Amino acid sequence: MDPETLNAMNEGMYRALLTLIEGITLIVGLASALFVIFCLGCVTFGVFAKLRQPARRRQSVLTPAPPEPDEYELLVLKTLDDGLDNSLRTVADCGG
């Protein structure tokens, strides 16, 4: 082959290679931009989801939990429960 033909083929291949590189760069750039937009959307969604949850917890914090009963209260409740059981047994024994 003569050098003119080889130079013409080389120019054609060079242009095709540049077009291919530009296409790949465009595809990778668009994919990267979409990925960044997707990540920002996920982060934003996560932040807003976390901001909404404490509002529900604050309402439950405002209503205090009832105090735990001490020994005396437990003894009184047990005595009342035993008294109720005894009175129900008495009614059942009487046939009522």
PDB file of N, CA and C in Angstrom:
ATOM      1  N   MET A   1       0.854  -1.181   0.000  1.00  0.00           N
ATOM      2  CA  MET A   1       0.000   0.000   0.000  1.00  0.00           C
ATOM      3  C   MET A   1       0.894   1.237   0.000  1.00  0.00           C
ATOM      4  N   ASP A   2       0.382   2.225  -0.645  1.00  0.00           N
ATOM      5  CA  ASP A   2       1.176   3.450  -0.708  1.00  0.00           C
ATOM      6  C   ASP A   2       0.910   4.326   0.510  1.00  0.00           C
ATOM      7  N   PRO A   3       1.790   5.229   0.857  1.00  0.00           N
ATOM      8  CA  PRO A   3       1.650   6.060   2.054  1.00  0.00           C
ATOM      9  C   PRO A   3       0.415   6.962   2.032  1.00  0.00           C
ATOM     10  N   GLU A   4      -0.039   7.390   0.866  1.00  0.00           N
ATOM     11  CA  GLU A   4      -1.233   8.253   0.813  1.00  0.00           C
ATOM     12  C   GLU A   4      -2.472   7.491   1.290  1.00  0.00           C
ATOM     13  N   THR A   5      -2.599   6.256   0.875  1.00  0.00           N
ATOM     14  CA  THR A   5      -3.739   5.437   1.294  1.00  0.00           C
ATOM     15  C   THR A   5      -3.684   5.179   2.794  1.00  0.00           C
ATOM     16  N   LEU A   6      -2.507   4.881   3.282  1.00  0.00           N
ATOM     17  CA  LEU A   6      -2.362   4.648   4.730  1.00  0.00           C
ATOM     18  C   LEU A   6      -2.675   5.906   5.537  1.00  0.00           C
ATOM     19  N   ASN A   7      -2.256   7.067   5.040  1.00  0.00           N
ATOM     20  CA  ASN A   7      -2.565   8.320   5.733  1.00  0.00           C
ATOM     21  C   ASN A   7      -4.066   8.588   5.733  1.00  0.00           C
ATOM     22  N   ALA A   8      -4.744   8.298   4.631  1.00  0.00           N
ATOM     23  CA  ALA A   8      -6.193   8.500   4.555  1.00  0.00           C
ATOM     24  C   ALA A   8      -6.910   7.567   5.535  1.00  0.00           C
ATOM     25  N   MET A   9      -6.474   6.316   5.620  1.00  0.00           N
ATOM     26  CA  MET A   9      -7.076   5.372   6.563  1.00  0.00           C
ATOM     27  C   MET A   9      -6.802   5.801   8.007  1.00  0.00           C
ATOM     28  N   ASN A  10      -5.603   6.316   8.239  1.00  0.00           N
ATOM     29  CA  ASN A  10      -5.237   6.757   9.580  1.00  0.00           C
ATOM     30  C   ASN A  10      -6.119   7.927  10.014  1.00  0.00           C
ATOM     31  N   GLU A  11      -6.354   8.890   9.102  1.00  0.00           N
ATOM     32  CA  GLU A  11      -7.225  10.022   9.443  1.00  0.00           C
ATOM     33  C   GLU A  11      -8.641   9.559   9.747  1.00  0.00           C
ATOM     34  N   GLY A  12      -9.153   8.628   8.971  1.00  0.00           N
ATOM     35  CA  GLY A  12     -10.501   8.099   9.207  1.00  0.00           C
ATOM     36  C   GLY A  12     -10.594   7.392  10.545  1.00  0.00           C
ATOM     37  N   MET A  13      -9.574   6.603  10.861  1.00  0.00           N
ATOM     38  CA  MET A  13      -9.566   5.906  12.141  1.00  0.00           C
ATOM     39  C   MET A  13      -9.431   6.894  13.302  1.00  0.00           C
ATOM     40  N   TYR A  14      -8.645   7.941  13.096  1.00  0.00           N
ATOM     41  CA  TYR A  14      -8.452   8.944  14.135  1.00  0.00           C
ATOM     42  C   TYR A  14      -9.769   9.653  14.442  1.00  0.00           C
ATOM     43  N   ARG A  15     -10.512  10.014  13.382  1.00  0.00           N
ATOM     44  CA  ARG A  15     -11.808  10.682  13.593  1.00  0.00           C
ATOM     45  C   ARG A  15     -12.799   9.739  14.268  1.00  0.00           C
ATOM     46  N   ALA A  16     -12.812   8.488  13.866  1.00  0.00           N
ATOM     47  CA  ALA A  16     -13.727   7.515  14.474  1.00  0.00           C
ATOM     48  C   ALA A  16     -13.379   7.306  15.942  1.00  0.00           C
ATOM     49  N   LEU A  17     -12.075   7.266  16.233  1.00  0.00           N
ATOM     50  CA  LEU A  17     -11.652   7.078  17.617  1.00  0.00           C
ATOM     51  C   LEU A  17     -12.042   8.282  18.475  1.00  0.00           C
ATOM     52  N   LEU A  18     -11.904   9.485  17.938  1.00  0.00           N
ATOM     53  CA  LEU A  18     -12.317  10.676  18.684  1.00  0.00           C
ATOM     54  C   LEU A  18     -13.823  10.673  18.927  1.00  0.00           C
ATOM     55  N   THR A  19     -14.588  10.290  17.930  1.00  0.00           N
ATOM     56  CA  THR A  19     -16.045  10.217  18.087  1.00  0.00           C
ATOM     57  C   THR A  19     -16.416   9.180  19.147  1.00  0.00           C
ATOM     58  N   LEU A  20     -15.731   8.049  19.123  1.00  0.00           N
ATOM     59  CA  LEU A  20     -15.986   7.008  20.114  1.00  0.00           C
ATOM     60  C   LEU A  20     -15.639   7.487  21.516  1.00  0.00           C
ATOM     61  N   ILE A  21     -14.537   8.151  21.671  1.00  0.00           N
ATOM     62  CA  ILE A  21     -14.137   8.676  22.981  1.00  0.00           C
ATOM     63  C   ILE A  21     -15.127   9.731  23.462  1.00  0.00           C
ATOM     64  N   GLU A  22     -15.582  10.597  22.548  1.00  0.00           N
ATOM     65  CA  GLU A  22     -16.580  11.602  22.933  1.00  0.00           C
ATOM     66  C   GLU A  22     -17.883  10.936  23.375  1.00  0.00           C
ATOM     67  N   GLY A  23     -18.305   9.897  22.683  1.00  0.00           N
ATOM     68  CA  GLY A  23     -19.531   9.181  23.062  1.00  0.00           C
ATOM     69  C   GLY A  23     -19.412   8.529  24.420  1.00  0.00           C
ATOM     70  N   ILE A  24     -18.283   7.864  24.659  1.00  0.00           N
ATOM     71  CA  ILE A  24     -18.063   7.213  25.961  1.00  0.00           C
ATOM     72  C   ILE A  24     -18.023   8.256  27.070  1.00  0.00           C
ATOM     73  N   THR A  25     -17.357   9.377  26.804  1.00  0.00           N
ATOM     74  CA  THR A  25     -17.282  10.441  27.811  1.00  0.00           C
ATOM     75  C   THR A  25     -18.667  10.994  28.116  1.00  0.00           C
ATOM     76  N   LEU A  26     -19.488  11.163  27.088  1.00  0.00           N
ATOM     77  CA  LEU A  26     -20.845  11.669  27.284  1.00  0.00           C
ATOM     78  C   LEU A  26     -21.682  10.692  28.116  1.00  0.00           C
ATOM     79  N   ILE A  27     -21.586   9.407  27.803  1.00  0.00           N
ATOM     80  CA  ILE A  27     -22.358   8.400  28.540  1.00  0.00           C
ATOM     81  C   ILE A  27     -21.903   8.336  30.002  1.00  0.00           C
ATOM     82  N   VAL A  28     -20.610   8.322  30.226  1.00  0.00           N
ATOM     83  CA  VAL A  28     -20.086   8.254  31.602  1.00  0.00           C
ATOM     84  C   VAL A  28     -20.445   9.523  32.369  1.00  0.00           C
ATOM     85  N   GLY A  29     -20.374  10.672  31.709  1.00  0.00           N
ATOM     86  CA  GLY A  29     -20.730  11.930  32.367  1.00  0.00           C
ATOM     87  C   GLY A  29     -22.196  11.967  32.770  1.00  0.00           C
ATOM     88  N   LEU A  30     -23.079  11.529  31.863  1.00  0.00           N
ATOM     89  CA  LEU A  30     -24.507  11.498  32.195  1.00  0.00           C
ATOM     90  C   LEU A  30     -24.797  10.505  33.317  1.00  0.00           C
ATOM     91  N   ALA A  31     -24.163   9.349  33.267  1.00  0.00           N
ATOM     92  CA  ALA A  31     -24.371   8.355  34.327  1.00  0.00           C
ATOM     93  C   ALA A  31     -23.882   8.891  35.674  1.00  0.00           C
ATOM     94  N   SER A  32     -22.753   9.591  35.663  1.00  0.00           N
ATOM     95  CA  SER A  32     -22.232  10.163  36.912  1.00  0.00           C
ATOM     96  C   SER A  32     -23.164  11.244  37.447  1.00  0.00           C
ATOM     97  N   ALA A  33     -23.682  12.081  36.567  1.00  0.00           N
ATOM     98  CA  ALA A  33     -24.604  13.137  36.998  1.00  0.00           C
ATOM     99  C   ALA A  33     -25.882  12.536  37.578  1.00  0.00           C
ATOM    100  N   LEU A  34     -26.418  11.508  36.925  1.00  0.00           N
ATOM    101  CA  LEU A  34     -27.619  10.855  37.453  1.00  0.00           C
ATOM    102  C   LEU A  34     -27.353  10.183  38.797  1.00  0.00           C
ATOM    103  N   PHE A  35     -26.178   9.602  38.942  1.00  0.00           N
ATOM    104  CA  PHE A  35     -25.821   8.966  40.215  1.00  0.00           C
ATOM    105  C   PHE A  35     -25.738  10.000  41.330  1.00  0.00           C
ATOM    106  N   VAL A  36     -25.127  11.144  41.044  1.00  0.00           N
ATOM    107  CA  VAL A  36     -25.011  12.199  42.058  1.00  0.00           C
ATOM    108  C   VAL A  36     -26.396  12.720  42.427  1.00  0.00           C
ATOM    109  N   ILE A  37     -27.264  12.915  41.452  1.00  0.00           N
ATOM    110  CA  ILE A  37     -28.631  13.375  41.731  1.00  0.00           C
ATOM    111  C   ILE A  37     -29.374  12.338  42.565  1.00  0.00           C
ATOM    112  N   PHE A  38     -29.211  11.069  42.237  1.00  0.00           N
ATOM    113  CA  PHE A  38     -29.861  10.002  42.998  1.00  0.00           C
ATOM    114  C   PHE A  38     -29.363   9.977  44.445  1.00  0.00           C
ATOM    115  N   CYS A  39     -28.055  10.105  44.631  1.00  0.00           N
ATOM    116  CA  CYS A  39     -27.488  10.103  45.989  1.00  0.00           C
ATOM    117  C   CYS A  39     -27.976  11.296  46.805  1.00  0.00           C
ATOM    118  N   LEU A  40     -28.029  12.467  46.184  1.00  0.00           N
ATOM    119  CA  LEU A  40     -28.540  13.642  46.892  1.00  0.00           C
ATOM    120  C   LEU A  40     -30.004  13.459  47.273  1.00  0.00           C
ATOM    121  N   GLY A  41     -30.771  12.846  46.389  1.00  0.00           N
ATOM    122  CA  GLY A  41     -32.172  12.565  46.711  1.00  0.00           C
ATOM    123  C   GLY A  41     -32.302  11.607  47.874  1.00  0.00           C
ATOM    124  N   CYS A  42     -31.472  10.577  47.905  1.00  0.00           N
ATOM    125  CA  CYS A  42     -31.511   9.612  49.013  1.00  0.00           C
ATOM    126  C   CYS A  42     -31.115  10.259  50.331  1.00  0.00           C
ATOM    127  N   VAL A  43     -30.095  11.081  50.300  1.00  0.00           N
ATOM    128  CA  VAL A  43     -29.656  11.772  51.515  1.00  0.00           C
ATOM    129  C   VAL A  43     -30.744  12.723  51.995  1.00  0.00           C
ATOM    130  N   THR A  44     -31.348  13.458  51.081  1.00  0.00           N
ATOM    131  CA  THR A  44     -32.422  14.379  51.448  1.00  0.00           C
ATOM    132  C   THR A  44     -33.595  13.624  52.048  1.00  0.00           C
ATOM    133  N   PHE A  45     -33.970  12.511  51.428  1.00  0.00           N
ATOM    134  CA  PHE A  45     -35.076  11.712  51.959  1.00  0.00           C
ATOM    135  C   PHE A  45     -34.743  11.194  53.362  1.00  0.00           C
ATOM    136  N   GLY A  46     -33.506  10.743  53.548  1.00  0.00           N
ATOM    137  CA  GLY A  46     -33.102  10.247  54.864  1.00  0.00           C
ATOM    138  C   GLY A  46     -33.125  11.324  55.924  1.00  0.00           C
ATOM    139  N   VAL A  47     -32.696  12.537  55.574  1.00  0.00           N
ATOM    140  CA  VAL A  47     -32.688  13.644  56.537  1.00  0.00           C
ATOM    141  C   VAL A  47     -34.115  13.999  56.926  1.00  0.00           C
ATOM    142  N   PHE A  48     -35.000  14.116  55.937  1.00  0.00           N
ATOM    143  CA  PHE A  48     -36.377  14.476  56.258  1.00  0.00           C
ATOM    144  C   PHE A  48     -37.093  13.364  57.009  1.00  0.00           C
ATOM    145  N   ALA A  49     -36.769  12.123  56.725  1.00  0.00           N
ATOM    146  CA  ALA A  49     -37.377  11.011  57.463  1.00  0.00           C
ATOM    147  C   ALA A  49     -36.928  11.035  58.917  1.00  0.00           C
ATOM    148  N   LYS A  50     -35.658  11.352  59.169  1.00  0.00           N
ATOM    149  CA  LYS A  50     -35.177  11.425  60.550  1.00  0.00           C
ATOM    150  C   LYS A  50     -35.745  12.637  61.268  1.00  0.00           C
ATOM    151  N   LEU A  51     -36.006  13.721  60.556  1.00  0.00           N
ATOM    152  CA  LEU A  51     -36.572  14.911  61.189  1.00  0.00           C
ATOM    153  C   LEU A  51     -38.016  14.686  61.610  1.00  0.00           C
ATOM    154  N   ARG A  52     -38.728  13.840  60.905  1.00  0.00           N
ATOM    155  CA  ARG A  52     -40.134  13.605  61.235  1.00  0.00           C
ATOM    156  C   ARG A  52     -40.301  12.712  62.449  1.00  0.00           C
ATOM    157  N   GLN A  53     -39.395  11.780  62.690  1.00  0.00           N
ATOM    158  CA  GLN A  53     -39.552  10.829  63.786  1.00  0.00           C
ATOM    159  C   GLN A  53     -39.461  11.458  65.177  1.00  0.00           C
ATOM    160  N   PRO A  54     -38.523  12.350  65.468  1.00  0.00           N
ATOM    161  CA  PRO A  54     -38.463  12.896  66.823  1.00  0.00           C
ATOM    162  C   PRO A  54     -39.714  13.677  67.217  1.00  0.00           C
ATOM    163  N   ALA A  55     -40.450  14.238  66.267  1.00  0.00           N
ATOM    164  CA  ALA A  55     -41.664  14.963  66.612  1.00  0.00           C
ATOM    165  C   ALA A  55     -42.667  14.027  67.270  1.00  0.00           C
ATOM    166  N   ARG A  56     -42.739  12.807  66.797  1.00  0.00           N
ATOM    167  CA  ARG A  56     -43.653  11.835  67.412  1.00  0.00           C
ATOM    168  C   ARG A  56     -43.160  11.433  68.801  1.00  0.00           C
ATOM    169  N   ARG A  57     -41.864  11.333  68.943  1.00  0.00           N
ATOM    170  CA  ARG A  57     -41.319  10.949  70.249  1.00  0.00           C
ATOM    171  C   ARG A  57     -41.496  12.056  71.271  1.00  0.00           C
ATOM    172  N   ARG A  58     -41.442  13.302  70.835  1.00  0.00           N
ATOM    173  CA  ARG A  58     -41.592  14.406  71.786  1.00  0.00           C
ATOM    174  C   ARG A  58     -42.971  14.388  72.426  1.00  0.00           C
ATOM    175  N   GLN A  59     -43.988  14.015  71.697  1.00  0.00           N
ATOM    176  CA  GLN A  59     -45.321  13.958  72.273  1.00  0.00           C
ATOM    177  C   GLN A  59     -45.390  12.901  73.368  1.00  0.00           C
ATOM    178  N   SER A  60     -44.745  11.768  73.149  1.00  0.00           N
ATOM    179  CA  SER A  60     -44.781  10.731  74.175  1.00  0.00           C
ATOM    180  C   SER A  60     -43.929  11.127  75.387  1.00  0.00           C
ATOM    181  N   VAL A  61     -42.931  11.974  75.188  1.00  0.00           N
ATOM    182  CA  VAL A  61     -42.100  12.420  76.298  1.00  0.00           C
ATOM    183  C   VAL A  61     -42.868  13.416  77.158  1.00  0.00           C
ATOM    184  N   LEU A  62     -43.757  14.182  76.542  1.00  0.00           N
ATOM    185  CA  LEU A  62     -44.519  15.186  77.293  1.00  0.00           C
ATOM    186  C   LEU A  62     -45.491  14.541  78.272  1.00  0.00           C
ATOM    187  N   THR A  63     -45.998  13.368  77.966  1.00  0.00           N
ATOM    188  CA  THR A  63     -46.879  12.667  78.897  1.00  0.00           C
ATOM    189  C   THR A  63     -46.002  11.777  79.774  1.00  0.00           C
ATOM    190  N   PRO A  64     -45.870  12.108  81.058  1.00  0.00           N
ATOM    191  CA  PRO A  64     -44.959  11.340  81.910  1.00  0.00           C
ATOM    192  C   PRO A  64     -45.511   9.942  82.180  1.00  0.00           C
ATOM    193  N   ALA A  65     -44.619   9.021  82.353  1.00  0.00           N
ATOM    194  CA  ALA A  65     -44.999   7.649  82.681  1.00  0.00           C
ATOM    195  C   ALA A  65     -45.462   7.618  84.137  1.00  0.00           C
ATOM    196  N   PRO A  66     -46.427   6.768  84.430  1.00  0.00           N
ATOM    197  CA  PRO A  66     -46.886   6.689  85.827  1.00  0.00           C
ATOM    198  C   PRO A  66     -45.763   6.164  86.714  1.00  0.00           C
ATOM    199  N   PRO A  67     -45.718   6.643  87.952  1.00  0.00           N
ATOM    200  CA  PRO A  67     -44.647   6.175  88.846  1.00  0.00           C
ATOM    201  C   PRO A  67     -44.850   4.704  89.196  1.00  0.00           C
ATOM    202  N   GLU A  68     -43.753   4.031  89.441  1.00  0.00           N
ATOM    203  CA  GLU A  68     -43.831   2.626  89.812  1.00  0.00           C
ATOM    204  C   GLU A  68     -44.308   2.516  91.259  1.00  0.00           C
ATOM    205  N   PRO A  69     -45.173   1.536  91.548  1.00  0.00           N
ATOM    206  CA  PRO A  69     -45.682   1.408  92.923  1.00  0.00           C
ATOM    207  C   PRO A  69     -44.580   0.957  93.879  1.00  0.00           C
ATOM    208  N   ASP A  70     -44.646   1.468  95.110  1.00  0.00           N
ATOM    209  CA  ASP A  70     -43.675   1.050  96.111  1.00  0.00           C
ATOM    210  C   ASP A  70     -44.204  -0.183  96.848  1.00  0.00           C
ATOM    211  N   GLU A  71     -43.490  -0.632  97.867  1.00  0.00           N
ATOM    212  CA  GLU A  71     -43.865  -1.862  98.575  1.00  0.00           C
ATOM    213  C   GLU A  71     -45.228  -1.742  99.243  1.00  0.00           C
ATOM    214  N   TYR A  72     -45.500  -0.584  99.831  1.00  0.00           N
ATOM    215  CA  TYR A  72     -46.776  -0.406 100.541  1.00  0.00           C
ATOM    216  C   TYR A  72     -47.945  -0.511  99.570  1.00  0.00           C
ATOM    217  N   GLU A  73     -47.833   0.150  98.429  1.00  0.00           N
ATOM    218  CA  GLU A  73     -48.926   0.102  97.449  1.00  0.00           C
ATOM    219  C   GLU A  73     -49.131  -1.320  96.919  1.00  0.00           C
ATOM    220  N   LEU A  74     -48.037  -2.042  96.707  1.00  0.00           N
ATOM    221  CA  LEU A  74     -48.174  -3.423  96.251  1.00  0.00           C
ATOM    222  C   LEU A  74     -48.857  -4.291  97.300  1.00  0.00           C
ATOM    223  N   LEU A  75     -48.522  -4.060  98.581  1.00  0.00           N
ATOM    224  CA  LEU A  75     -49.147  -4.823  99.664  1.00  0.00           C
ATOM    225  C   LEU A  75     -50.637  -4.515  99.752  1.00  0.00           C
ATOM    226  N   VAL A  76     -51.004  -3.248  99.605  1.00  0.00           N
ATOM    227  CA  VAL A  76     -52.418  -2.862  99.646  1.00  0.00           C
ATOM    228  C   VAL A  76     -53.163  -3.492  98.486  1.00  0.00           C
ATOM    229  N   LEU A  77     -52.576  -3.444  97.288  1.00  0.00           N
ATOM    230  CA  LEU A  77     -53.240  -4.035  96.127  1.00  0.00           C
ATOM    231  C   LEU A  77     -53.407  -5.542  96.282  1.00  0.00           C
ATOM    232  N   LYS A  78     -52.398  -6.206  96.846  1.00  0.00           N
ATOM    233  CA  LYS A  78     -52.506  -7.652  97.051  1.00  0.00           C
ATOM    234  C   LYS A  78     -53.592  -7.966  98.081  1.00  0.00           C
ATOM    235  N   THR A  79     -53.673  -7.163  99.140  1.00  0.00           N
ATOM    236  CA  THR A  79     -54.689  -7.372 100.167  1.00  0.00           C
ATOM    237  C   THR A  79     -56.085  -7.159  99.592  1.00  0.00           C
ATOM    238  N   LEU A  80     -56.242  -6.108  98.811  1.00  0.00           N
ATOM    239  CA  LEU A  80     -57.550  -5.860  98.193  1.00  0.00           C
ATOM    240  C   LEU A  80     -57.928  -6.974  97.234  1.00  0.00           C
ATOM    241  N   ASP A  81     -56.944  -7.480  96.482  1.00  0.00           N
ATOM    242  CA  ASP A  81     -57.209  -8.554  95.542  1.00  0.00           C
ATOM    243  C   ASP A  81     -57.614  -9.821  96.290  1.00  0.00           C
ATOM    244  N   ASP A  82     -56.906 -10.126  97.393  1.00  0.00           N
ATOM    245  CA  ASP A  82     -57.265 -11.300  98.186  1.00  0.00           C
ATOM    246  C   ASP A  82     -58.649 -11.129  98.794  1.00  0.00           C
ATOM    247  N   GLY A  83     -58.983  -9.918  99.235  1.00  0.00           N
ATOM    248  CA  GLY A  83     -60.300  -9.670  99.815  1.00  0.00           C
ATOM    249  C   GLY A  83     -61.390  -9.830  98.771  1.00  0.00           C
ATOM    250  N   LEU A  84     -61.133  -9.419  97.557  1.00  0.00           N
ATOM    251  CA  LEU A  84     -62.107  -9.562  96.487  1.00  0.00           C
ATOM    252  C   LEU A  84     -62.290 -11.030  96.143  1.00  0.00           C
ATOM    253  N   ASP A  85     -61.199 -11.791  96.116  1.00  0.00           N
ATOM    254  CA  ASP A  85     -61.303 -13.220  95.832  1.00  0.00           C
ATOM    255  C   ASP A  85     -62.112 -13.920  96.924  1.00  0.00           C
ATOM    256  N   ASN A  86     -61.875 -13.557  98.197  1.00  0.00           N
ATOM    257  CA  ASN A  86     -62.600 -14.181  99.301  1.00  0.00           C
ATOM    258  C   ASN A  86     -64.083 -13.843  99.243  1.00  0.00           C
ATOM    259  N   SER A  87     -64.411 -12.589  98.886  1.00  0.00           N
ATOM    260  CA  SER A  87     -65.837 -12.226  98.837  1.00  0.00           C
ATOM    261  C   SER A  87     -66.516 -12.921  97.668  1.00  0.00           C
ATOM    262  N   LEU A  88     -65.809 -13.119  96.572  1.00  0.00           N
ATOM    263  CA  LEU A  88     -66.416 -13.839  95.449  1.00  0.00           C
ATOM    264  C   LEU A  88     -66.608 -15.307  95.787  1.00  0.00           C
ATOM    265  N   ARG A  89     -65.692 -15.869  96.539  1.00  0.00           N
ATOM    266  CA  ARG A  89     -65.848 -17.263  96.962  1.00  0.00           C
ATOM    267  C   ARG A  89     -67.043 -17.408  97.904  1.00  0.00           C
ATOM    268  N   THR A  90     -67.206 -16.410  98.767  1.00  0.00           N
ATOM    269  CA  THR A  90     -68.327 -16.453  99.720  1.00  0.00           C
ATOM    270  C   THR A  90     -69.650 -16.415  98.964  1.00  0.00           C
ATOM    271  N   VAL A  91     -69.751 -15.579  97.965  1.00  0.00           N
ATOM    272  CA  VAL A  91     -70.992 -15.476  97.168  1.00  0.00           C
ATOM    273  C   VAL A  91     -71.221 -16.790  96.425  1.00  0.00           C
ATOM    274  N   ALA A  92     -70.142 -17.388  95.902  1.00  0.00           N
ATOM    275  CA  ALA A  92     -70.287 -18.642  95.172  1.00  0.00           C
ATOM    276  C   ALA A  92     -70.695 -19.779  96.120  1.00  0.00           C
ATOM    277  N   ASP A  93     -70.197 -19.758  97.368  1.00  0.00           N
ATOM    278  CA  ASP A  93     -70.540 -20.778  98.336  1.00  0.00           C
ATOM    279  C   ASP A  93     -71.991 -20.663  98.779  1.00  0.00           C
ATOM    280  N   CYS A  94     -72.533 -19.461  98.801  1.00  0.00           N
ATOM    281  CA  CYS A  94     -73.898 -19.236  99.237  1.00  0.00           C
ATOM    282  C   CYS A  94     -74.899 -19.651  98.159  1.00  0.00           C
ATOM    283  N   GLY A  95     -74.406 -19.895  96.963  1.00  0.00           N
ATOM    284  CA  GLY A  95     -75.295 -20.334  95.908  1.00  0.00           C
ATOM    285  C   GLY A  95     -75.882 -19.178  95.136  1.00  0.00           C
ATOM    286  N   GLY A  96     -75.289 -17.989  95.248  1.00  0.00           N
ATOM    287  CA  GLY A  96     -75.849 -16.796  94.629  1.00  0.00           C
ATOM    288  C   GLY A  96     -75.300 -16.509  93.335  1.00  0.00           C
TER     289      GLY A  96
END
